[in-house]
Amino acid sequence: MVEQIGQAAGQIWQMLSKAKEPVNITDVPKKTKLTSQIAYQGMGWLAREGKLQYEQKGRSIYVCLTGAECTCD
């Protein structure tokens, strides 16, 4: 299971690195073709590594890569 979550984190990182703007977290599973459970665990993995930046807009939460990795400013 840990390997599957790590692979999901990689897929999410790749998708976010190509994104031109922050992505709604509810769209991450669709954009990566991962199950919601695995996608959210993958985002948790990346967040724990300090690679994600979250932003709340109204009732929605958006995510992009942090710092030098962020292409969605």
PDB file of N, CA and C in Angstrom:
ATOM      1  N   MET A   1       0.831  -1.197   0.000  1.00  0.00           N
ATOM      2  CA  MET A   1       0.000   0.000   0.000  1.00  0.00           C
ATOM      3  C   MET A   1       0.873   1.257   0.000  1.00  0.00           C
ATOM      4  N   VAL A   2       1.957   1.253   0.781  1.00  0.00           N
ATOM      5  CA  VAL A   2       2.832   2.426   0.840  1.00  0.00           C
ATOM      6  C   VAL A   2       3.431   2.718  -0.536  1.00  0.00           C
ATOM      7  N   GLU A   3       3.799   1.675  -1.252  1.00  0.00           N
ATOM      8  CA  GLU A   3       4.356   1.876  -2.596  1.00  0.00           C
ATOM      9  C   GLU A   3       3.318   2.498  -3.527  1.00  0.00           C
ATOM     10  N   GLN A   4       2.077   2.050  -3.423  1.00  0.00           N
ATOM     11  CA  GLN A   4       0.994   2.585  -4.254  1.00  0.00           C
ATOM     12  C   GLN A   4       0.755   4.075  -3.943  1.00  0.00           C
ATOM     13  N   ILE A   5       0.819   4.440  -2.683  1.00  0.00           N
ATOM     14  CA  ILE A   5       0.627   5.836  -2.290  1.00  0.00           C
ATOM     15  C   ILE A   5       1.789   6.686  -2.790  1.00  0.00           C
ATOM     16  N   GLY A   6       2.996   6.156  -2.697  1.00  0.00           N
ATOM     17  CA  GLY A   6       4.168   6.864  -3.206  1.00  0.00           C
ATOM     18  C   GLY A   6       4.086   7.098  -4.706  1.00  0.00           C
ATOM     19  N   GLN A   7       3.622   6.093  -5.437  1.00  0.00           N
ATOM     20  CA  GLN A   7       3.440   6.251  -6.884  1.00  0.00           C
ATOM     21  C   GLN A   7       2.365   7.285  -7.185  1.00  0.00           C
ATOM     22  N   ALA A   8       1.297   7.285  -6.390  1.00  0.00           N
ATOM     23  CA  ALA A   8       0.229   8.272  -6.561  1.00  0.00           C
ATOM     24  C   ALA A   8       0.776   9.676  -6.320  1.00  0.00           C
ATOM     25  N   ALA A   9       1.615   9.822  -5.305  1.00  0.00           N
ATOM     26  CA  ALA A   9       2.226  11.123  -5.017  1.00  0.00           C
ATOM     27  C   ALA A   9       3.033  11.599  -6.227  1.00  0.00           C
ATOM     28  N   GLY A  10       3.741  10.699  -6.859  1.00  0.00           N
ATOM     29  CA  GLY A  10       4.496  11.043  -8.057  1.00  0.00           C
ATOM     30  C   GLY A  10       3.601  11.499  -9.199  1.00  0.00           C
ATOM     31  N   GLN A  11       2.496  10.796  -9.396  1.00  0.00           N
ATOM     32  CA  GLN A  11       1.540  11.176 -10.444  1.00  0.00           C
ATOM     33  C   GLN A  11       0.949  12.556 -10.168  1.00  0.00           C
ATOM     34  N   ILE A  12       0.617  12.798  -8.915  1.00  0.00           N
ATOM     35  CA  ILE A  12       0.035  14.081  -8.535  1.00  0.00           C
ATOM     36  C   ILE A  12       1.060  15.189  -8.745  1.00  0.00           C
ATOM     37  N   TRP A  13       2.306  14.957  -8.337  1.00  0.00           N
ATOM     38  CA  TRP A  13       3.360  15.953  -8.529  1.00  0.00           C
ATOM     39  C   TRP A  13       3.517  16.283 -10.009  1.00  0.00           C
ATOM     40  N   GLN A  14       3.527  15.257 -10.856  1.00  0.00           N
ATOM     41  CA  GLN A  14       3.659  15.473 -12.299  1.00  0.00           C
ATOM     42  C   GLN A  14       2.498  16.317 -12.834  1.00  0.00           C
ATOM     43  N   MET A  15       1.287  15.990 -12.429  1.00  0.00           N
ATOM     44  CA  MET A  15       0.112  16.719 -12.891  1.00  0.00           C
ATOM     45  C   MET A  15       0.175  18.178 -12.440  1.00  0.00           C
ATOM     46  N   LEU A  16       0.544  18.399 -11.173  1.00  0.00           N
ATOM     47  CA  LEU A  16       0.599  19.766 -10.656  1.00  0.00           C
ATOM     48  C   LEU A  16       1.748  20.556 -11.276  1.00  0.00           C
ATOM     49  N   SER A  17       2.830  19.875 -11.626  1.00  0.00           N
ATOM     50  CA  SER A  17       3.966  20.584 -12.224  1.00  0.00           C
ATOM     51  C   SER A  17       3.613  21.120 -13.609  1.00  0.00           C
ATOM     52  N   LYS A  18       2.625  20.527 -14.250  1.00  0.00           N
ATOM     53  CA  LYS A  18       2.188  20.968 -15.577  1.00  0.00           C
ATOM     54  C   LYS A  18       1.004  21.933 -15.512  1.00  0.00           C
ATOM     55  N   ALA A  19       0.404  22.058 -14.337  1.00  0.00           N
ATOM     56  CA  ALA A  19      -0.776  22.922 -14.183  1.00  0.00           C
ATOM     57  C   ALA A  19      -0.376  24.389 -14.270  1.00  0.00           C
ATOM     58  N   LYS A  20      -1.177  25.166 -14.937  1.00  0.00           N
ATOM     59  CA  LYS A  20      -0.921  26.602 -15.094  1.00  0.00           C
ATOM     60  C   LYS A  20      -1.488  27.409 -13.929  1.00  0.00           C
ATOM     61  N   GLU A  21      -2.338  26.781 -13.136  1.00  0.00           N
ATOM     62  CA  GLU A  21      -2.958  27.446 -11.994  1.00  0.00           C
ATOM     63  C   GLU A  21      -3.283  26.398 -10.938  1.00  0.00           C
ATOM     64  N   PRO A  22      -3.580  26.822  -9.703  1.00  0.00           N
ATOM     65  CA  PRO A  22      -3.936  25.850  -8.660  1.00  0.00           C
ATOM     66  C   PRO A  22      -5.112  24.969  -9.093  1.00  0.00           C
ATOM     67  N   VAL A  23      -5.112  23.740  -8.621  1.00  0.00           N
ATOM     68  CA  VAL A  23      -6.130  22.747  -8.975  1.00  0.00           C
ATOM     69  C   VAL A  23      -7.020  22.506  -7.763  1.00  0.00           C
ATOM     70  N   ASN A  24      -8.330  22.488  -7.987  1.00  0.00           N
ATOM     71  CA  ASN A  24      -9.277  22.156  -6.921  1.00  0.00           C
ATOM     72  C   ASN A  24      -8.973  20.734  -6.463  1.00  0.00           C
ATOM     73  N   ILE A  25      -8.875  20.526  -5.147  1.00  0.00           N
ATOM     74  CA  ILE A  25      -8.486  19.191  -4.671  1.00  0.00           C
ATOM     75  C   ILE A  25      -9.497  18.115  -5.077  1.00  0.00           C
ATOM     76  N   THR A  26     -10.740  18.492  -5.306  1.00  0.00           N
ATOM     77  CA  THR A  26     -11.723  17.492  -5.733  1.00  0.00           C
ATOM     78  C   THR A  26     -11.481  17.046  -7.172  1.00  0.00           C
ATOM     79  N   ASP A  27     -10.710  17.817  -7.936  1.00  0.00           N
ATOM     80  CA  ASP A  27     -10.399  17.456  -9.324  1.00  0.00           C
ATOM     81  C   ASP A  27      -9.150  16.584  -9.453  1.00  0.00           C
ATOM     82  N   VAL A  28      -8.360  16.489  -8.394  1.00  0.00           N
ATOM     83  CA  VAL A  28      -7.104  15.722  -8.455  1.00  0.00           C
ATOM     84  C   VAL A  28      -7.352  14.252  -8.825  1.00  0.00           C
ATOM     85  N   PRO A  29      -8.307  13.564  -8.193  1.00  0.00           N
ATOM     86  CA  PRO A  29      -8.530  12.162  -8.594  1.00  0.00           C
ATOM     87  C   PRO A  29      -8.900  12.023 -10.072  1.00  0.00           C
ATOM     88  N   LYS A  30      -9.736  12.913 -10.588  1.00  0.00           N
ATOM     89  CA  LYS A  30     -10.145  12.847 -11.993  1.00  0.00           C
ATOM     90  C   LYS A  30      -8.965  13.096 -12.923  1.00  0.00           C
ATOM     91  N   LYS A  31      -8.167  14.105 -12.609  1.00  0.00           N
ATOM     92  CA  LYS A  31      -7.055  14.484 -13.479  1.00  0.00           C
ATOM     93  C   LYS A  31      -5.925  13.445 -13.474  1.00  0.00           C
ATOM     94  N   THR A  32      -5.821  12.662 -12.408  1.00  0.00           N
ATOM     95  CA  THR A  32      -4.756  11.666 -12.298  1.00  0.00           C
ATOM     96  C   THR A  32      -5.263  10.238 -12.523  1.00  0.00           C
ATOM     97  N   LYS A  33      -6.577  10.089 -12.646  1.00  0.00           N
ATOM     98  CA  LYS A  33      -7.210   8.774 -12.808  1.00  0.00           C
ATOM     99  C   LYS A  33      -6.912   7.844 -11.619  1.00  0.00           C
ATOM    100  N   LEU A  34      -6.813   8.456 -10.423  1.00  0.00           N
ATOM    101  CA  LEU A  34      -6.622   7.706  -9.187  1.00  0.00           C
ATOM    102  C   LEU A  34      -7.948   7.666  -8.428  1.00  0.00           C
ATOM    103  N   THR A  35      -8.110   6.687  -7.560  1.00  0.00           N
ATOM    104  CA  THR A  35      -9.280   6.697  -6.690  1.00  0.00           C
ATOM    105  C   THR A  35      -9.143   7.877  -5.734  1.00  0.00           C
ATOM    106  N   SER A  36     -10.248   8.369  -5.228  1.00  0.00           N
ATOM    107  CA  SER A  36     -10.212   9.496  -4.293  1.00  0.00           C
ATOM    108  C   SER A  36      -9.348   9.178  -3.083  1.00  0.00           C
ATOM    109  N   GLN A  37      -9.511   7.982  -2.541  1.00  0.00           N
ATOM    110  CA  GLN A  37      -8.763   7.590  -1.346  1.00  0.00           C
ATOM    111  C   GLN A  37      -7.258   7.640  -1.586  1.00  0.00           C
ATOM    112  N   ILE A  38      -6.798   7.056  -2.675  1.00  0.00           N
ATOM    113  CA  ILE A  38      -5.372   7.037  -2.980  1.00  0.00           C
ATOM    114  C   ILE A  38      -4.880   8.442  -3.327  1.00  0.00           C
ATOM    115  N   ALA A  39      -5.677   9.224  -4.056  1.00  0.00           N
ATOM    116  CA  ALA A  39      -5.276  10.590  -4.412  1.00  0.00           C
ATOM    117  C   ALA A  39      -5.089  11.443  -3.163  1.00  0.00           C
ATOM    118  N   TYR A  40      -6.013  11.359  -2.222  1.00  0.00           N
ATOM    119  CA  TYR A  40      -5.896  12.164  -1.008  1.00  0.00           C
ATOM    120  C   TYR A  40      -4.721  11.694  -0.154  1.00  0.00           C
ATOM    121  N   GLN A  41      -4.449  10.399  -0.154  1.00  0.00           N
ATOM    122  CA  GLN A  41      -3.279   9.906   0.569  1.00  0.00           C
ATOM    123  C   GLN A  41      -1.994  10.384  -0.105  1.00  0.00           C
ATOM    124  N   GLY A  42      -1.986  10.407  -1.435  1.00  0.00           N
ATOM    125  CA  GLY A  42      -0.831  10.913  -2.167  1.00  0.00           C
ATOM    126  C   GLY A  42      -0.598  12.392  -1.890  1.00  0.00           C
ATOM    127  N   MET A  43      -1.678  13.174  -1.826  1.00  0.00           N
ATOM    128  CA  MET A  43      -1.537  14.595  -1.490  1.00  0.00           C
ATOM    129  C   MET A  43      -1.011  14.753  -0.068  1.00  0.00           C
ATOM    130  N   GLY A  44      -1.446  13.882   0.828  1.00  0.00           N
ATOM    131  CA  GLY A  44      -0.929  13.917   2.199  1.00  0.00           C
ATOM    132  C   GLY A  44       0.566  13.641   2.235  1.00  0.00           C
ATOM    133  N   TRP A  45       1.000  12.699   1.423  1.00  0.00           N
ATOM    134  CA  TRP A  45       2.423  12.360   1.317  1.00  0.00           C
ATOM    135  C   TRP A  45       3.207  13.603   0.882  1.00  0.00           C
ATOM    136  N   LEU A  46       2.731  14.256  -0.189  1.00  0.00           N
ATOM    137  CA  LEU A  46       3.413  15.446  -0.697  1.00  0.00           C
ATOM    138  C   LEU A  46       3.361  16.600   0.307  1.00  0.00           C
ATOM    139  N   ALA A  47       2.238  16.746   0.995  1.00  0.00           N
ATOM    140  CA  ALA A  47       2.107  17.800   1.999  1.00  0.00           C
ATOM    141  C   ALA A  47       3.101  17.571   3.135  1.00  0.00           C
ATOM    142  N   ARG A  48       3.241  16.324   3.554  1.00  0.00           N
ATOM    143  CA  ARG A  48       4.179  15.987   4.631  1.00  0.00           C
ATOM    144  C   ARG A  48       5.609  16.308   4.232  1.00  0.00           C
ATOM    145  N   GLU A  49       5.910  16.180   2.939  1.00  0.00           N
ATOM    146  CA  GLU A  49       7.243  16.509   2.431  1.00  0.00           C
ATOM    147  C   GLU A  49       7.398  18.013   2.181  1.00  0.00           C
ATOM    148  N   GLY A  50       6.343  18.786   2.418  1.00  0.00           N
ATOM    149  CA  GLY A  50       6.399  20.232   2.238  1.00  0.00           C
ATOM    150  C   GLY A  50       6.375  20.664   0.782  1.00  0.00           C
ATOM    151  N   LYS A  51       5.786  19.841  -0.079  1.00  0.00           N
ATOM    152  CA  LYS A  51       5.777  20.130  -1.512  1.00  0.00           C
ATOM    153  C   LYS A  51       4.470  20.714  -2.015  1.00  0.00           C
ATOM    154  N   LEU A  52       3.466  20.826  -1.142  1.00  0.00           N
ATOM    155  CA  LEU A  52       2.172  21.355  -1.570  1.00  0.00           C
ATOM    156  C   LEU A  52       1.825  22.637  -0.841  1.00  0.00           C
ATOM    157  N   GLN A  53       1.122  23.491  -1.551  1.00  0.00           N
ATOM    158  CA  GLN A  53       0.582  24.719  -0.989  1.00  0.00           C
ATOM    159  C   GLN A  53      -0.927  24.668  -1.179  1.00  0.00           C
ATOM    160  N   TYR A  54      -1.661  24.868  -0.101  1.00  0.00           N
ATOM    161  CA  TYR A  54      -3.120  24.850  -0.162  1.00  0.00           C
ATOM    162  C   TYR A  54      -3.643  26.271  -0.063  1.00  0.00           C
ATOM    163  N   GLU A  55      -4.727  26.546  -0.770  1.00  0.00           N
ATOM    164  CA  GLU A  55      -5.352  27.863  -0.754  1.00  0.00           C
ATOM    165  C   GLU A  55      -6.862  27.668  -0.751  1.00  0.00           C
ATOM    166  N   GLN A  56      -7.536  28.307   0.208  1.00  0.00           N
ATOM    167  CA  GLN A  56      -8.989  28.210   0.257  1.00  0.00           C
ATOM    168  C   GLN A  56      -9.596  29.409  -0.434  1.00  0.00           C
ATOM    169  N   LYS A  57     -10.529  29.139  -1.353  1.00  0.00           N
ATOM    170  CA  LYS A  57     -11.280  30.174  -2.058  1.00  0.00           C
ATOM    171  C   LYS A  57     -12.753  29.842  -1.855  1.00  0.00           C
ATOM    172  N   GLY A  58     -13.399  30.614  -1.014  1.00  0.00           N
ATOM    173  CA  GLY A  58     -14.792  30.310  -0.691  1.00  0.00           C
ATOM    174  C   GLY A  58     -14.870  28.973   0.022  1.00  0.00           C
ATOM    175  N   ARG A  59     -15.676  28.081  -0.525  1.00  0.00           N
ATOM    176  CA  ARG A  59     -15.827  26.758   0.083  1.00  0.00           C
ATOM    177  C   ARG A  59     -14.908  25.726  -0.552  1.00  0.00           C
ATOM    178  N   SER A  60     -14.122  26.128  -1.531  1.00  0.00           N
ATOM    179  CA  SER A  60     -13.243  25.206  -2.250  1.00  0.00           C
ATOM    180  C   SER A  60     -11.801  25.335  -1.785  1.00  0.00           C
ATOM    181  N   ILE A  61     -11.066  24.236  -1.865  1.00  0.00           N
ATOM    182  CA  ILE A  61      -9.648  24.230  -1.524  1.00  0.00           C
ATOM    183  C   ILE A  61      -8.870  23.885  -2.782  1.00  0.00           C
ATOM    184  N   TYR A  62      -7.847  24.692  -3.060  1.00  0.00           N
ATOM    185  CA  TYR A  62      -7.000  24.502  -4.236  1.00  0.00           C
ATOM    186  C   TYR A  62      -5.599  24.137  -3.783  1.00  0.00           C
ATOM    187  N   VAL A  63      -4.894  23.437  -4.645  1.00  0.00           N
ATOM    188  CA  VAL A  63      -3.554  22.967  -4.312  1.00  0.00           C
ATOM    189  C   VAL A  63      -2.617  23.226  -5.488  1.00  0.00           C
ATOM    190  N   CYS A  64      -1.366  23.555  -5.181  1.00  0.00           N
ATOM    191  CA  CYS A  64      -0.316  23.650  -6.190  1.00  0.00           C
ATOM    192  C   CYS A  64       0.999  23.308  -5.507  1.00  0.00           C
ATOM    193  N   LEU A  65       2.047  23.189  -6.273  1.00  0.00           N
ATOM    194  CA  LEU A  65       3.361  22.901  -5.720  1.00  0.00           C
ATOM    195  C   LEU A  65       3.917  24.140  -5.039  1.00  0.00           C
ATOM    196  N   THR A  66       4.684  23.955  -3.973  1.00  0.00           N
ATOM    197  CA  THR A  66       5.220  25.074  -3.213  1.00  0.00           C
ATOM    198  C   THR A  66       6.534  25.596  -3.775  1.00  0.00           C
ATOM    199  N   GLY A  67       6.878  26.787  -3.324  1.00  0.00           N
ATOM    200  CA  GLY A  67       8.185  27.378  -3.560  1.00  0.00           C
ATOM    201  C   GLY A  67       8.661  27.320  -4.999  1.00  0.00           C
ATOM    202  N   ALA A  68       9.891  26.883  -5.178  1.00  0.00           N
ATOM    203  CA  ALA A  68      10.508  26.813  -6.504  1.00  0.00           C
ATOM    204  C   ALA A  68       9.781  25.832  -7.411  1.00  0.00           C
ATOM    205  N   GLU A  69       9.043  24.870  -6.812  1.00  0.00           N
ATOM    206  CA  GLU A  69       8.329  23.878  -7.606  1.00  0.00           C
ATOM    207  C   GLU A  69       6.984  24.386  -8.107  1.00  0.00           C
ATOM    208  N   CYS A  70       6.505  25.513  -7.558  1.00  0.00           N
ATOM    209  CA  CYS A  70       5.166  26.003  -7.890  1.00  0.00           C
ATOM    210  C   CYS A  70       5.167  26.749  -9.226  1.00  0.00           C
ATOM    211  N   THR A  71       4.357  26.271 -10.147  1.00  0.00           N
ATOM    212  CA  THR A  71       4.236  26.914 -11.455  1.00  0.00           C
ATOM    213  C   THR A  71       2.886  27.591 -11.601  1.00  0.00           C
ATOM    214  N   CYS A  72       2.163  27.752 -10.500  1.00  0.00           N
ATOM    215  CA  CYS A  72       0.792  28.243 -10.609  1.00  0.00           C
ATOM    216  C   CYS A  72       0.581  29.562  -9.882  1.00  0.00           C
ATOM    217  N   ASP A  73       1.595  30.373  -9.696  1.00  0.00           N
ATOM    218  CA  ASP A  73       1.434  31.679  -9.041  1.00  0.00           C
ATOM    219  C   ASP A  73       0.695  32.653  -9.902  1.00  0.00           C
TER     220      ASP A  73
END
